[in-house]
Amino acid sequence: MDFEIVKPKHKLADHVQEIWSAAIVKGKHQTTLKPLHSDGGSGVMFVLQGSVRLSDSEISHPIYLQQYSKATQFIEFDEGTQLCGIRFHPGMMPTSLLAHSAATHAHSQPSTLSSLYSLLLEKTSHSSRLATMYRWCNENIDLNNPVMKKRASLISQAISGKIGEQFQHNQRQVERNFREWVGMSPKYFQRLRRVYSSVATLRENPDVSLSDFAYAQGFSDQAHMTREFKAFVLTTPGELSSRLRGKGSPRYYRKLN
């Protein structure tokens, strides 16, 4: 798979995690299956050519909005597929898009997304698509919105385990806000983020002792870590570690029930 990614800078980096473009080249790449590990973020994906399946369901419309992400999903592409997208930080999808996040038809999407999709269809390279989406973000996201700044700060506090400490809201109000913004409670979000962080750390050192790793990542023990991995990543730490060392299944890992 040919894949390019851009990490935004300056104020845009507080809203957007990454902007990406991918292609499955005919004759070079076969059908590709990838796990998308959830970090609680949201995003928009543009299918420019070919077919895409997400968790065994085909995405039948070219503009796909995902407001909430609560667990690992599997994305599959056929040869010749071209797609790109924008990944927002948890809770930071522009409010203008939230009302449309359940819509799947391109003509049901906000006109700004439909216009962006039309522009992307005209682009033939990763660099031109990335530049087009980057420009769209700068022009359509209110980077100085004080409400969004406060939201970003609250979510950051949740990631660090300090939810609500620096805010005047009571805990119940904080939880209501969190469910609205991120689609889950602060505690669930913190569990998800701990597993997401653990996956990233395990990638860097797949040979680590899993019992020691569990304590280092804040789990009560290895069994606790295994349960959390099954819930959020749909595999065990041992299976993921084996795959990262090159010993796992070529289709990444089996999906657990």
Protein backbone atom coordinates (compact mmCIF):
# COMPACT_ATOMS: atom_id res chain seq x y z
CA MET A 1 0.00 0.00 0.00
CA ASP A 2 1.28 3.45 -0.92
CA PHE A 3 0.58 5.73 2.03
CA GLU A 4 1.52 9.31 2.88
CA ILE A 5 0.64 11.29 5.96
CA VAL A 6 0.97 14.87 7.18
CA LYS A 7 0.93 15.96 10.82
CA PRO A 8 -0.51 19.49 11.10
CA LYS A 9 1.41 22.26 12.82
CA HIS A 10 0.58 25.28 14.96
CA LYS A 11 -3.07 25.84 15.95
CA LEU A 12 -4.40 23.26 13.52
CA ALA A 13 -2.49 20.57 15.42
CA ASP A 14 -4.86 21.08 18.38
CA HIS A 15 -7.79 19.99 16.21
CA VAL A 16 -6.40 17.60 13.58
CA GLN A 17 -4.18 14.58 14.31
CA GLU A 18 -3.25 13.78 10.74
CA ILE A 19 -4.16 14.15 7.10
CA TRP A 20 -3.53 11.09 4.95
CA SER A 21 -3.71 9.65 1.45
CA ALA A 22 -3.46 6.00 0.36
CA ALA A 23 -3.53 3.89 -2.80
CA ILE A 24 -3.62 0.16 -3.48
CA VAL A 25 -1.79 -0.05 -6.81
CA LYS A 26 -2.99 -2.67 -9.31
CA GLY A 27 -0.35 -5.29 -10.01
CA LYS A 28 1.68 -4.12 -7.02
CA HIS A 29 -0.61 -4.60 -4.04
CA GLN A 30 -3.22 -7.26 -3.44
CA THR A 31 -6.28 -6.94 -1.23
CA THR A 32 -5.05 -5.40 2.01
CA LEU A 33 -6.45 -5.79 5.53
CA LYS A 34 -5.36 -3.37 8.25
CA PRO A 35 -6.42 -2.95 11.89
CA LEU A 36 -7.42 0.57 12.91
CA HIS A 37 -6.70 0.82 16.62
CA SER A 38 -9.07 3.26 18.27
CA ASP A 39 -7.80 6.33 20.10
CA GLY A 40 -11.25 7.82 20.67
CA GLY A 41 -10.86 10.19 17.73
CA SER A 42 -13.14 10.92 14.79
CA GLY A 43 -12.62 11.46 11.10
CA VAL A 44 -13.79 11.79 7.54
CA MET A 45 -12.71 9.46 4.74
CA PHE A 46 -13.06 10.04 1.00
CA VAL A 47 -13.20 6.95 -1.23
CA LEU A 48 -12.03 8.28 -4.59
CA GLN A 49 -11.82 4.98 -6.43
CA GLY A 50 -12.37 1.29 -5.75
CA SER A 51 -14.05 -0.37 -2.77
CA VAL A 52 -13.45 -0.26 0.97
CA ARG A 53 -14.83 -2.51 3.72
CA LEU A 54 -14.88 -1.52 7.35
CA SER A 55 -15.42 -4.35 9.85
CA ASP A 56 -16.80 -6.55 7.02
CA SER A 57 -19.33 -3.93 5.86
CA GLU A 58 -18.73 -2.27 2.52
CA ILE A 59 -18.62 1.52 2.52
CA SER A 60 -21.04 2.20 -0.31
CA HIS A 61 -20.79 6.00 -0.45
CA PRO A 62 -17.72 8.08 -1.17
CA ILE A 63 -17.81 10.35 1.91
CA TYR A 64 -17.65 8.48 5.20
CA LEU A 65 -17.93 10.35 8.51
CA GLN A 66 -17.11 8.63 11.79
CA GLN A 67 -17.97 10.68 14.86
CA TYR A 68 -16.97 8.17 17.52
CA SER A 69 -14.40 5.39 17.65
CA LYS A 70 -14.60 2.98 20.59
CA ALA A 71 -12.68 -0.15 19.55
CA THR A 72 -10.39 -1.55 16.88
CA GLN A 73 -11.95 -1.94 13.44
CA PHE A 74 -10.58 -3.74 10.41
CA ILE A 75 -10.39 -1.90 7.11
CA GLU A 76 -9.96 -3.79 3.84
CA PHE A 77 -9.10 -2.43 0.39
CA ASP A 78 -9.16 -4.03 -3.05
CA GLU A 79 -6.61 -3.44 -5.79
CA GLY A 80 -6.98 -0.05 -7.45
CA THR A 81 -8.55 1.62 -4.43
CA GLN A 82 -7.63 5.25 -3.77
CA LEU A 83 -8.73 7.05 -0.65
CA CYS A 84 -7.75 9.86 1.68
CA GLY A 85 -8.99 11.52 4.82
CA ILE A 86 -8.70 13.74 7.86
CA ARG A 87 -8.34 12.39 11.40
CA PHE A 88 -9.47 14.68 14.23
CA HIS A 89 -8.41 14.52 17.86
CA PRO A 90 -11.02 13.04 20.25
CA GLY A 91 -13.97 15.39 20.53
CA MET A 92 -12.55 17.88 18.03
CA MET A 93 -14.56 17.18 14.89
CA PRO A 94 -15.98 20.57 13.76
CA THR A 95 -19.50 21.09 15.08
CA SER A 96 -20.66 21.88 11.54
CA LEU A 97 -20.01 18.22 10.66
CA LEU A 98 -21.44 16.58 13.77
CA ALA A 99 -25.08 16.95 12.69
CA HIS A 100 -24.22 15.08 9.51
CA SER A 101 -22.07 12.34 11.01
CA ALA A 102 -24.80 9.72 10.58
CA ALA A 103 -25.33 10.58 6.91
CA THR A 104 -23.68 8.36 4.35
CA HIS A 105 -24.86 9.73 1.02
CA ALA A 106 -22.52 12.27 -0.53
CA HIS A 107 -25.46 14.56 -1.36
CA SER A 108 -26.55 14.44 2.32
CA GLN A 109 -23.19 15.71 3.53
CA PRO A 110 -22.33 19.35 4.27
CA SER A 111 -21.69 21.29 1.08
CA THR A 112 -18.14 21.99 2.24
CA LEU A 113 -17.35 18.26 2.29
CA SER A 114 -19.04 17.67 -1.06
CA SER A 115 -16.98 20.50 -2.55
CA LEU A 116 -13.82 19.09 -1.01
CA TYR A 117 -14.61 15.65 -2.42
CA SER A 118 -15.03 17.14 -5.91
CA LEU A 119 -11.66 18.86 -5.61
CA LEU A 120 -9.98 15.65 -4.44
CA LEU A 121 -11.31 13.74 -7.45
CA GLU A 122 -9.30 16.11 -9.65
CA LYS A 123 -6.03 15.39 -7.83
CA THR A 124 -3.84 12.51 -8.99
CA SER A 125 -1.02 12.50 -6.43
CA HIS A 126 -0.75 12.06 -2.68
CA SER A 127 0.92 15.45 -2.29
CA SER A 128 -1.83 17.35 -4.13
CA ARG A 129 -4.56 15.61 -2.12
CA LEU A 130 -2.78 16.28 1.17
CA ALA A 131 -2.32 19.95 0.28
CA THR A 132 -5.99 20.26 -0.70
CA MET A 133 -7.22 18.77 2.58
CA TYR A 134 -4.75 20.81 4.62
CA ARG A 135 -6.01 23.99 2.98
CA TRP A 136 -9.61 22.97 3.60
CA CYS A 137 -8.91 22.44 7.30
CA ASN A 138 -7.34 25.86 7.69
CA GLU A 139 -10.26 27.49 5.90
CA ASN A 140 -13.13 25.59 7.54
CA ILE A 141 -12.07 24.96 11.15
CA ASP A 142 -12.45 27.81 13.64
CA LEU A 143 -9.00 27.62 15.22
CA ASN A 144 -9.72 30.41 17.72
CA ASN A 145 -13.04 29.16 19.06
CA PRO A 146 -12.82 29.48 22.88
CA VAL A 147 -15.36 26.69 23.41
CA MET A 148 -13.25 24.26 21.39
CA LYS A 149 -10.09 25.38 23.21
CA LYS A 150 -11.72 24.61 26.55
CA ARG A 151 -12.96 21.27 25.22
CA ALA A 152 -9.47 20.34 24.04
CA SER A 153 -8.09 21.20 27.48
CA LEU A 154 -10.70 19.04 29.23
CA ILE A 155 -10.02 16.07 26.96
CA SER A 156 -6.29 16.48 27.54
CA GLN A 157 -6.96 16.38 31.29
CA ALA A 158 -8.90 13.14 30.81
CA ILE A 159 -6.03 11.56 28.87
CA SER A 160 -3.65 12.38 31.71
CA GLY A 161 -6.09 11.05 34.32
CA LYS A 162 -6.97 14.44 35.80
CA ILE A 163 -10.51 14.84 34.54
CA GLY A 164 -12.25 17.92 35.86
CA GLU A 165 -9.51 19.09 38.22
CA GLN A 166 -9.12 22.49 36.60
CA PHE A 167 -12.75 23.09 35.65
CA GLN A 168 -15.68 24.65 37.46
CA HIS A 169 -18.19 22.03 36.30
CA ASN A 170 -19.39 19.30 38.60
CA GLN A 171 -18.51 15.71 37.78
CA ARG A 172 -21.95 14.90 36.38
CA GLN A 173 -21.80 17.83 33.96
CA VAL A 174 -18.30 16.84 32.89
CA GLU A 175 -19.50 13.31 32.13
CA ARG A 176 -22.49 14.59 30.14
CA ASN A 177 -20.21 16.82 28.09
CA PHE A 178 -17.77 14.00 27.53
CA ARG A 179 -20.43 11.62 26.27
CA GLU A 180 -21.63 14.29 23.86
CA TRP A 181 -18.14 15.09 22.55
CA VAL A 182 -16.44 11.69 22.54
CA GLY A 183 -19.35 9.23 22.71
CA MET A 184 -18.23 7.57 25.95
CA SER A 185 -17.69 8.30 29.63
CA PRO A 186 -14.39 9.77 30.85
CA LYS A 187 -13.51 6.48 32.58
CA TYR A 188 -14.15 4.45 29.44
CA PHE A 189 -12.12 6.94 27.43
CA GLN A 190 -9.21 6.64 29.87
CA ARG A 191 -9.32 2.83 29.58
CA LEU A 192 -9.31 3.07 25.80
CA ARG A 193 -6.40 5.53 25.79
CA ARG A 194 -4.34 3.33 28.13
CA VAL A 195 -4.72 0.39 25.75
CA TYR A 196 -3.99 2.60 22.73
CA SER A 197 -0.82 3.88 24.40
CA SER A 198 0.15 0.32 25.33
CA VAL A 199 -0.17 -0.84 21.71
CA ALA A 200 2.09 2.01 20.57
CA THR A 201 4.67 1.17 23.25
CA LEU A 202 4.53 -2.55 22.46
CA ARG A 203 5.26 -1.77 18.80
CA GLU A 204 8.52 -0.16 19.88
CA ASN A 205 9.60 -3.12 22.02
CA PRO A 206 7.66 -6.32 21.22
CA ASP A 207 10.19 -8.45 23.13
CA VAL A 208 9.34 -6.89 26.49
CA SER A 209 8.25 -9.07 29.40
CA LEU A 210 4.46 -8.80 29.33
CA SER A 211 4.09 -9.11 33.10
CA ASP A 212 6.48 -6.20 33.67
CA PHE A 213 4.91 -4.31 30.77
CA ALA A 214 1.44 -4.62 32.31
CA TYR A 215 2.51 -2.92 35.54
CA ALA A 216 4.48 -0.25 33.69
CA GLN A 217 1.38 0.64 31.66
CA GLY A 218 -0.82 0.99 34.72
CA PHE A 219 -2.72 -2.32 34.63
CA SER A 220 -3.23 -4.19 37.89
CA ASP A 221 -1.63 -7.32 36.41
CA GLN A 222 -1.10 -9.17 33.13
CA ALA A 223 -4.55 -10.76 33.24
CA HIS A 224 -6.13 -7.31 33.56
CA MET A 225 -4.11 -6.09 30.57
CA THR A 226 -5.18 -9.12 28.52
CA ARG A 227 -8.87 -8.48 29.26
CA GLU A 228 -8.54 -4.84 28.24
CA PHE A 229 -6.70 -5.71 25.03
CA LYS A 230 -9.44 -8.19 24.11
CA ALA A 231 -12.08 -5.53 24.74
CA PHE A 232 -10.45 -2.72 22.78
CA VAL A 233 -7.94 -4.26 20.35
CA LEU A 234 -9.72 -7.60 19.72
CA THR A 235 -6.53 -9.57 20.40
CA THR A 236 -4.24 -10.39 23.32
CA PRO A 237 -0.91 -8.70 24.13
CA GLY A 238 0.86 -12.01 23.48
CA GLU A 239 -0.68 -12.41 20.02
CA LEU A 240 0.10 -8.81 19.12
CA SER A 241 3.67 -9.16 20.39
CA SER A 242 4.17 -12.31 18.29
CA ARG A 243 2.84 -10.59 15.18
CA LEU A 244 5.11 -7.60 15.73
CA ARG A 245 8.07 -9.98 15.96
CA GLY A 246 7.08 -11.48 12.62
CA LYS A 247 5.60 -14.69 13.99
CA GLY A 248 1.92 -13.89 13.63
CA SER A 249 -0.70 -14.46 10.96
CA PRO A 250 -0.27 -12.54 7.69
CA ARG A 251 -3.85 -11.35 8.15
CA TYR A 252 -2.72 -9.59 11.34
CA TYR A 253 -4.53 -11.64 13.96
CA ARG A 254 -7.70 -13.52 14.50
CA LYS A 255 -10.74 -11.54 15.57
CA LEU A 256 -11.91 -12.48 19.03
CA ASN A 257 -15.56 -12.83 19.94
